[in-house]
N, C-alpha and C. Protein backbone atom coordinates (compact mmCIF):
# COMPACT_ATOMS: atom_id res chain seq x y z
N MET A 1 14.81 8.06 9.02
CA MET A 1 14.02 7.54 7.93
C MET A 1 13.11 6.42 8.45
N PRO A 2 11.83 6.43 8.09
CA PRO A 2 10.91 5.38 8.55
C PRO A 2 11.34 3.99 8.08
N ARG A 3 11.00 3.01 8.87
CA ARG A 3 11.37 1.62 8.61
C ARG A 3 10.95 1.16 7.21
N GLY A 4 9.73 1.49 6.80
CA GLY A 4 9.25 1.06 5.49
C GLY A 4 10.12 1.58 4.36
N LEU A 5 10.60 2.80 4.50
CA LEU A 5 11.46 3.37 3.46
C LEU A 5 12.87 2.79 3.54
N ARG A 6 13.36 2.55 4.75
CA ARG A 6 14.68 1.91 4.89
C ARG A 6 14.68 0.53 4.25
N ASN A 7 13.55 -0.17 4.33
CA ASN A 7 13.41 -1.52 3.79
C ASN A 7 12.99 -1.53 2.31
N ASN A 8 12.83 -0.34 1.70
CA ASN A 8 12.26 -0.25 0.35
C ASN A 8 10.92 -0.97 0.27
N ASN A 9 10.19 -0.90 1.36
CA ASN A 9 8.90 -1.56 1.52
C ASN A 9 7.95 -0.54 2.15
N PRO A 10 7.55 0.49 1.37
CA PRO A 10 6.88 1.64 1.95
C PRO A 10 5.52 1.36 2.59
N LEU A 11 4.87 0.26 2.23
CA LEU A 11 3.60 -0.06 2.87
C LEU A 11 3.76 -1.16 3.92
N ASN A 12 5.01 -1.47 4.26
CA ASN A 12 5.32 -2.41 5.33
C ASN A 12 4.63 -3.77 5.17
N ILE A 13 4.93 -4.43 4.07
CA ILE A 13 4.40 -5.77 3.83
C ILE A 13 5.13 -6.74 4.75
N ARG A 14 4.34 -7.48 5.52
CA ARG A 14 4.92 -8.43 6.47
C ARG A 14 5.57 -9.61 5.76
N ARG A 15 6.63 -10.10 6.38
CA ARG A 15 7.32 -11.28 5.84
C ARG A 15 6.37 -12.47 5.86
N SER A 16 6.53 -13.29 4.83
CA SER A 16 5.73 -14.51 4.67
C SER A 16 6.54 -15.45 3.78
N THR A 17 5.88 -16.46 3.27
CA THR A 17 6.57 -17.39 2.37
C THR A 17 6.52 -16.90 0.92
N ASP A 18 5.85 -15.77 0.67
CA ASP A 18 5.77 -15.22 -0.69
C ASP A 18 7.17 -14.90 -1.20
N LYS A 19 7.38 -15.16 -2.47
CA LYS A 19 8.66 -14.89 -3.13
C LYS A 19 8.47 -13.72 -4.09
N TRP A 20 8.49 -12.51 -3.54
CA TRP A 20 8.25 -11.32 -4.33
C TRP A 20 9.42 -11.02 -5.26
N LEU A 21 9.11 -10.49 -6.42
CA LEU A 21 10.11 -9.98 -7.34
C LEU A 21 10.86 -8.84 -6.64
N GLY A 22 12.19 -8.87 -6.71
CA GLY A 22 12.99 -7.79 -6.15
C GLY A 22 13.27 -7.88 -4.67
N LEU A 23 13.05 -9.04 -4.07
CA LEU A 23 13.38 -9.19 -2.65
C LEU A 23 14.89 -9.10 -2.46
N SER A 24 15.28 -8.45 -1.40
CA SER A 24 16.69 -8.40 -1.05
C SER A 24 17.15 -9.81 -0.71
N PRO A 25 18.35 -10.22 -1.15
CA PRO A 25 18.81 -11.58 -0.85
C PRO A 25 18.97 -11.84 0.65
N THR A 26 19.25 -10.80 1.41
CA THR A 26 19.33 -10.95 2.86
C THR A 26 18.16 -10.20 3.47
N GLN A 27 17.37 -10.92 4.23
CA GLN A 27 16.20 -10.35 4.90
C GLN A 27 16.55 -10.18 6.39
N ARG A 28 17.03 -9.00 6.73
CA ARG A 28 17.49 -8.75 8.10
C ARG A 28 16.39 -8.28 9.03
N ASP A 29 15.34 -7.71 8.48
CA ASP A 29 14.23 -7.24 9.31
C ASP A 29 13.40 -8.47 9.69
N PRO A 30 13.19 -8.71 10.96
CA PRO A 30 12.47 -9.92 11.37
C PRO A 30 10.97 -9.90 11.04
N ALA A 31 10.40 -8.73 10.80
CA ALA A 31 8.96 -8.64 10.62
C ALA A 31 8.53 -8.30 9.20
N PHE A 32 9.30 -7.46 8.51
CA PHE A 32 8.87 -6.93 7.22
C PHE A 32 9.85 -7.27 6.11
N PHE A 33 9.31 -7.49 4.91
CA PHE A 33 10.16 -7.75 3.76
C PHE A 33 11.09 -6.56 3.50
N GLN A 34 12.23 -6.88 2.91
CA GLN A 34 13.16 -5.87 2.42
C GLN A 34 13.33 -6.10 0.93
N PHE A 35 13.24 -5.01 0.15
CA PHE A 35 13.37 -5.08 -1.30
C PHE A 35 14.65 -4.39 -1.72
N VAL A 36 15.19 -4.79 -2.87
CA VAL A 36 16.44 -4.19 -3.36
C VAL A 36 16.24 -2.76 -3.84
N ASP A 37 15.00 -2.42 -4.17
CA ASP A 37 14.69 -1.07 -4.66
C ASP A 37 13.24 -0.75 -4.31
N LEU A 38 12.98 0.51 -4.10
CA LEU A 38 11.64 0.98 -3.76
C LEU A 38 10.61 0.58 -4.82
N VAL A 39 11.03 0.53 -6.08
CA VAL A 39 10.14 0.14 -7.18
C VAL A 39 9.46 -1.19 -6.86
N TYR A 40 10.23 -2.15 -6.35
CA TYR A 40 9.69 -3.49 -6.09
C TYR A 40 8.77 -3.49 -4.86
N GLY A 41 9.06 -2.66 -3.90
CA GLY A 41 8.17 -2.54 -2.75
C GLY A 41 6.81 -1.99 -3.14
N TYR A 42 6.82 -0.97 -3.99
CA TYR A 42 5.56 -0.42 -4.48
C TYR A 42 4.83 -1.42 -5.38
N ARG A 43 5.56 -2.13 -6.22
CA ARG A 43 4.95 -3.13 -7.09
C ARG A 43 4.24 -4.19 -6.25
N ALA A 44 4.92 -4.68 -5.22
CA ALA A 44 4.33 -5.70 -4.36
C ALA A 44 3.07 -5.17 -3.67
N ALA A 45 3.11 -3.93 -3.22
CA ALA A 45 1.94 -3.33 -2.57
C ALA A 45 0.76 -3.27 -3.54
N GLY A 46 1.02 -2.84 -4.77
CA GLY A 46 -0.05 -2.77 -5.76
C GLY A 46 -0.63 -4.14 -6.06
N LYS A 47 0.26 -5.10 -6.21
CA LYS A 47 -0.18 -6.47 -6.51
C LYS A 47 -1.02 -7.04 -5.36
N LEU A 48 -0.57 -6.80 -4.13
CA LEU A 48 -1.32 -7.29 -2.97
C LEU A 48 -2.72 -6.66 -2.90
N LEU A 49 -2.80 -5.36 -3.07
CA LEU A 49 -4.10 -4.69 -3.02
C LEU A 49 -5.03 -5.21 -4.12
N GLN A 50 -4.49 -5.41 -5.31
CA GLN A 50 -5.31 -5.97 -6.37
C GLN A 50 -5.74 -7.40 -6.05
N ASN A 51 -4.85 -8.18 -5.45
CA ASN A 51 -5.22 -9.55 -5.06
C ASN A 51 -6.27 -9.56 -3.96
N TYR A 52 -6.25 -8.58 -3.08
CA TYR A 52 -7.30 -8.48 -2.06
C TYR A 52 -8.66 -8.36 -2.74
N GLN A 53 -8.70 -7.68 -3.88
CA GLN A 53 -9.96 -7.54 -4.60
C GLN A 53 -10.25 -8.79 -5.42
N ARG A 54 -9.27 -9.29 -6.16
CA ARG A 54 -9.48 -10.46 -7.01
C ARG A 54 -9.83 -11.71 -6.20
N LEU A 55 -9.05 -11.97 -5.18
CA LEU A 55 -9.16 -13.23 -4.45
C LEU A 55 -10.08 -13.18 -3.23
N HIS A 56 -10.16 -12.02 -2.60
CA HIS A 56 -10.91 -11.93 -1.34
C HIS A 56 -12.14 -11.04 -1.44
N LYS A 57 -12.36 -10.46 -2.62
CA LYS A 57 -13.56 -9.65 -2.89
C LYS A 57 -13.70 -8.48 -1.92
N LEU A 58 -12.57 -7.84 -1.61
CA LEU A 58 -12.57 -6.67 -0.71
C LEU A 58 -12.57 -5.41 -1.57
N TYR A 59 -13.72 -4.77 -1.68
CA TYR A 59 -13.87 -3.65 -2.60
C TYR A 59 -14.06 -2.30 -1.92
N ASN A 60 -13.88 -2.25 -0.61
CA ASN A 60 -13.95 -0.94 0.06
C ASN A 60 -12.81 -0.84 1.07
N LEU A 61 -12.57 0.38 1.53
CA LEU A 61 -11.45 0.60 2.45
C LEU A 61 -11.59 -0.16 3.75
N ASN A 62 -12.81 -0.30 4.25
CA ASN A 62 -12.98 -1.05 5.50
C ASN A 62 -12.43 -2.46 5.36
N GLY A 63 -12.75 -3.13 4.28
CA GLY A 63 -12.27 -4.49 4.07
C GLY A 63 -10.79 -4.55 3.74
N LEU A 64 -10.35 -3.69 2.83
CA LEU A 64 -8.94 -3.69 2.42
C LEU A 64 -8.01 -3.39 3.59
N ILE A 65 -8.32 -2.33 4.34
CA ILE A 65 -7.44 -1.92 5.43
C ILE A 65 -7.52 -2.88 6.60
N ALA A 66 -8.69 -3.45 6.86
CA ALA A 66 -8.81 -4.43 7.95
C ALA A 66 -7.90 -5.64 7.68
N ARG A 67 -7.76 -6.01 6.42
CA ARG A 67 -6.87 -7.12 6.08
C ARG A 67 -5.41 -6.66 6.09
N TRP A 68 -5.15 -5.46 5.59
CA TRP A 68 -3.79 -4.93 5.51
C TRP A 68 -3.22 -4.64 6.89
N ALA A 69 -4.02 -4.00 7.71
CA ALA A 69 -3.57 -3.54 9.04
C ALA A 69 -4.60 -3.96 10.08
N PRO A 70 -4.60 -5.24 10.45
CA PRO A 70 -5.63 -5.77 11.34
C PRO A 70 -5.72 -5.02 12.68
N ALA A 71 -6.93 -4.96 13.20
CA ALA A 71 -7.20 -4.22 14.43
C ALA A 71 -6.40 -4.74 15.62
N LYS A 72 -5.99 -6.00 15.60
CA LYS A 72 -5.22 -6.53 16.73
C LYS A 72 -3.83 -5.88 16.83
N GLU A 73 -3.37 -5.27 15.71
CA GLU A 73 -2.06 -4.63 15.69
C GLU A 73 -2.11 -3.13 15.42
N ASN A 74 -3.24 -2.63 14.93
CA ASN A 74 -3.33 -1.26 14.44
C ASN A 74 -4.65 -0.61 14.85
N ASN A 75 -4.68 0.70 14.74
CA ASN A 75 -5.93 1.44 14.87
C ASN A 75 -6.54 1.50 13.47
N THR A 76 -7.21 0.42 13.11
CA THR A 76 -7.72 0.26 11.76
C THR A 76 -8.72 1.35 11.39
N LYS A 77 -9.57 1.73 12.33
CA LYS A 77 -10.56 2.78 12.03
C LYS A 77 -9.88 4.09 11.67
N ALA A 78 -8.84 4.45 12.40
CA ALA A 78 -8.11 5.68 12.11
C ALA A 78 -7.39 5.57 10.77
N TYR A 79 -6.85 4.39 10.47
CA TYR A 79 -6.16 4.15 9.20
C TYR A 79 -7.15 4.36 8.05
N VAL A 80 -8.32 3.73 8.15
CA VAL A 80 -9.36 3.88 7.12
C VAL A 80 -9.74 5.34 6.95
N ALA A 81 -9.94 6.03 8.06
CA ALA A 81 -10.36 7.44 8.02
C ALA A 81 -9.32 8.30 7.32
N ARG A 82 -8.05 8.06 7.62
CA ARG A 82 -6.98 8.86 7.00
C ARG A 82 -6.88 8.59 5.50
N VAL A 83 -6.93 7.33 5.12
CA VAL A 83 -6.85 6.99 3.70
C VAL A 83 -8.08 7.55 2.97
N ALA A 84 -9.26 7.43 3.56
CA ALA A 84 -10.48 7.97 2.95
C ALA A 84 -10.38 9.48 2.77
N ARG A 85 -9.85 10.16 3.77
CA ARG A 85 -9.69 11.62 3.68
C ARG A 85 -8.75 12.00 2.53
N GLU A 86 -7.61 11.29 2.44
CA GLU A 86 -6.66 11.55 1.35
C GLU A 86 -7.29 11.27 -0.01
N LEU A 87 -7.99 10.14 -0.14
CA LEU A 87 -8.61 9.80 -1.42
C LEU A 87 -9.71 10.78 -1.79
N SER A 88 -10.45 11.25 -0.81
CA SER A 88 -11.51 12.24 -1.07
C SER A 88 -10.91 13.50 -1.65
N THR A 89 -9.78 13.92 -1.13
CA THR A 89 -9.10 15.11 -1.64
C THR A 89 -8.69 14.90 -3.09
N TYR A 90 -8.09 13.73 -3.38
CA TYR A 90 -7.66 13.42 -4.74
C TYR A 90 -8.84 13.33 -5.70
N ALA A 91 -9.89 12.66 -5.25
CA ALA A 91 -11.02 12.38 -6.13
C ALA A 91 -11.95 13.58 -6.30
N GLY A 92 -11.89 14.52 -5.38
CA GLY A 92 -12.80 15.65 -5.44
C GLY A 92 -14.21 15.28 -5.05
N LYS A 93 -14.36 14.15 -4.38
CA LYS A 93 -15.67 13.71 -3.90
C LYS A 93 -15.47 12.92 -2.61
N MET A 94 -16.54 12.78 -1.87
CA MET A 94 -16.45 12.09 -0.58
C MET A 94 -16.26 10.58 -0.78
N ILE A 95 -15.22 10.07 -0.16
CA ILE A 95 -14.96 8.63 -0.13
C ILE A 95 -14.90 8.23 1.33
N ASP A 96 -15.60 7.16 1.67
CA ASP A 96 -15.55 6.68 3.04
C ASP A 96 -15.21 5.20 3.05
N GLY A 97 -15.28 4.59 4.20
CA GLY A 97 -14.88 3.19 4.34
C GLY A 97 -15.72 2.22 3.54
N GLU A 98 -16.93 2.63 3.16
CA GLU A 98 -17.84 1.74 2.42
C GLU A 98 -17.88 2.01 0.92
N THR A 99 -17.22 3.06 0.46
CA THR A 99 -17.23 3.39 -0.96
C THR A 99 -16.61 2.26 -1.78
N HIS A 100 -17.31 1.84 -2.83
CA HIS A 100 -16.79 0.79 -3.71
C HIS A 100 -15.59 1.34 -4.49
N LEU A 101 -14.48 0.61 -4.46
CA LEU A 101 -13.25 1.00 -5.16
C LEU A 101 -12.86 -0.12 -6.11
N ASP A 102 -12.39 0.24 -7.29
CA ASP A 102 -11.90 -0.74 -8.25
C ASP A 102 -10.41 -0.50 -8.48
N LEU A 103 -9.59 -1.19 -7.70
CA LEU A 103 -8.14 -1.02 -7.79
C LEU A 103 -7.52 -1.90 -8.87
N ILE A 104 -8.32 -2.76 -9.46
CA ILE A 104 -7.82 -3.64 -10.52
C ILE A 104 -7.81 -2.90 -11.85
N HIS A 105 -8.90 -2.22 -12.17
CA HIS A 105 -9.02 -1.57 -13.47
C HIS A 105 -8.68 -0.08 -13.44
N ASP A 106 -8.77 0.54 -12.29
CA ASP A 106 -8.52 1.98 -12.18
C ASP A 106 -7.12 2.18 -11.57
N LYS A 107 -6.11 2.21 -12.44
CA LYS A 107 -4.72 2.32 -11.98
C LYS A 107 -4.45 3.65 -11.28
N ASP A 108 -5.15 4.71 -11.68
CA ASP A 108 -4.97 6.00 -11.02
C ASP A 108 -5.47 5.92 -9.57
N LEU A 109 -6.59 5.26 -9.38
CA LEU A 109 -7.12 5.09 -8.02
C LEU A 109 -6.18 4.21 -7.19
N LEU A 110 -5.64 3.16 -7.79
CA LEU A 110 -4.67 2.31 -7.10
C LEU A 110 -3.47 3.15 -6.66
N ARG A 111 -2.96 3.97 -7.57
CA ARG A 111 -1.82 4.84 -7.26
C ARG A 111 -2.14 5.76 -6.08
N LYS A 112 -3.31 6.38 -6.13
CA LYS A 112 -3.70 7.32 -5.07
C LYS A 112 -3.92 6.61 -3.74
N THR A 113 -4.43 5.39 -3.80
CA THR A 113 -4.62 4.60 -2.57
C THR A 113 -3.27 4.27 -1.95
N ILE A 114 -2.31 3.88 -2.78
CA ILE A 114 -0.97 3.56 -2.27
C ILE A 114 -0.31 4.81 -1.69
N ILE A 115 -0.48 5.96 -2.34
CA ILE A 115 0.07 7.20 -1.79
C ILE A 115 -0.53 7.47 -0.42
N ALA A 116 -1.84 7.34 -0.29
CA ALA A 116 -2.51 7.58 0.99
C ALA A 116 -2.01 6.60 2.05
N MET A 117 -1.84 5.34 1.69
CA MET A 117 -1.34 4.35 2.63
C MET A 117 0.12 4.62 2.99
N HIS A 118 0.90 5.08 2.02
CA HIS A 118 2.29 5.47 2.28
C HIS A 118 2.33 6.53 3.38
N ILE A 119 1.44 7.50 3.29
CA ILE A 119 1.40 8.57 4.29
C ILE A 119 1.13 8.00 5.67
N VAL A 120 0.17 7.09 5.77
CA VAL A 120 -0.16 6.48 7.06
C VAL A 120 1.02 5.64 7.56
N GLU A 121 1.58 4.82 6.70
CA GLU A 121 2.64 3.89 7.11
C GLU A 121 3.95 4.58 7.47
N ASN A 122 4.25 5.69 6.81
CA ASN A 122 5.56 6.34 7.01
C ASN A 122 5.49 7.70 7.70
N GLY A 123 4.29 8.23 7.87
CA GLY A 123 4.14 9.50 8.56
C GLY A 123 4.51 10.71 7.74
N LEU A 124 4.68 10.51 6.43
CA LEU A 124 5.02 11.64 5.57
C LEU A 124 4.60 11.34 4.14
N ARG A 125 4.47 12.41 3.38
CA ARG A 125 4.08 12.27 1.97
C ARG A 125 5.28 11.77 1.15
N PRO A 126 5.00 11.01 0.10
CA PRO A 126 6.11 10.56 -0.75
C PRO A 126 6.77 11.72 -1.47
N THR A 127 8.08 11.63 -1.62
CA THR A 127 8.86 12.62 -2.35
C THR A 127 8.68 12.40 -3.86
N ALA A 128 9.20 13.31 -4.66
CA ALA A 128 9.13 13.17 -6.11
C ALA A 128 9.81 11.89 -6.58
N SER A 129 10.95 11.55 -6.00
CA SER A 129 11.65 10.33 -6.43
C SER A 129 10.88 9.08 -5.98
N GLN A 130 10.21 9.15 -4.84
CA GLN A 130 9.39 8.02 -4.40
C GLN A 130 8.17 7.85 -5.30
N LEU A 131 7.59 8.96 -5.74
CA LEU A 131 6.45 8.88 -6.67
C LEU A 131 6.90 8.31 -8.02
N GLU A 132 8.10 8.63 -8.42
CA GLU A 132 8.66 8.06 -9.66
C GLU A 132 8.81 6.54 -9.50
N ALA A 133 9.31 6.11 -8.34
CA ALA A 133 9.46 4.67 -8.06
C ALA A 133 8.08 3.99 -8.05
N LEU A 134 7.09 4.66 -7.47
CA LEU A 134 5.73 4.12 -7.45
C LEU A 134 5.22 3.91 -8.88
N ASP A 135 5.41 4.91 -9.72
CA ASP A 135 4.92 4.79 -11.10
C ASP A 135 5.63 3.65 -11.84
N LYS A 136 6.93 3.48 -11.61
CA LYS A 136 7.67 2.38 -12.23
C LYS A 136 7.15 1.04 -11.71
N GLY A 137 6.94 0.96 -10.41
CA GLY A 137 6.44 -0.28 -9.83
C GLY A 137 5.07 -0.66 -10.36
N LEU A 138 4.16 0.32 -10.47
CA LEU A 138 2.83 0.04 -10.96
C LEU A 138 2.83 -0.28 -12.45
N SER A 139 3.80 0.22 -13.19
CA SER A 139 3.89 -0.09 -14.61
C SER A 139 4.26 -1.57 -14.82
N MET A 140 4.76 -2.22 -13.78
CA MET A 140 5.16 -3.62 -13.87
C MET A 140 4.00 -4.58 -13.57
N LEU A 141 2.85 -4.04 -13.22
CA LEU A 141 1.70 -4.91 -12.90
C LEU A 141 1.03 -5.41 -14.16
């Protein structure tokens, strides 16, 4: 099982001083947060992506992914390309790194973006139960 799923943190949110709802009382992973349930990991991911737009004015995949998965640690261009390809399939139209996205008001787009990022972060598509957890997490925003 991929690390993100073992940690109930499917988008691999790095540890910080943030006090997320649903954090596991014991944080054994030295790099990434651990949540008591997948619902809280998805909720935190949604909240972070929305904050990237609210606070940092990042409205396209190039900006969002560069902040989420910086080039010093990741192949950011490949990450953007994969997420754009997944979103294009969902949207039925071409989405690229520069396409304006509204993850604050368009909850369906936020959901699809998280699914695409889940695929990149974990190397597999979310299962039905993981999608259920995602929907519960996003309902808490």
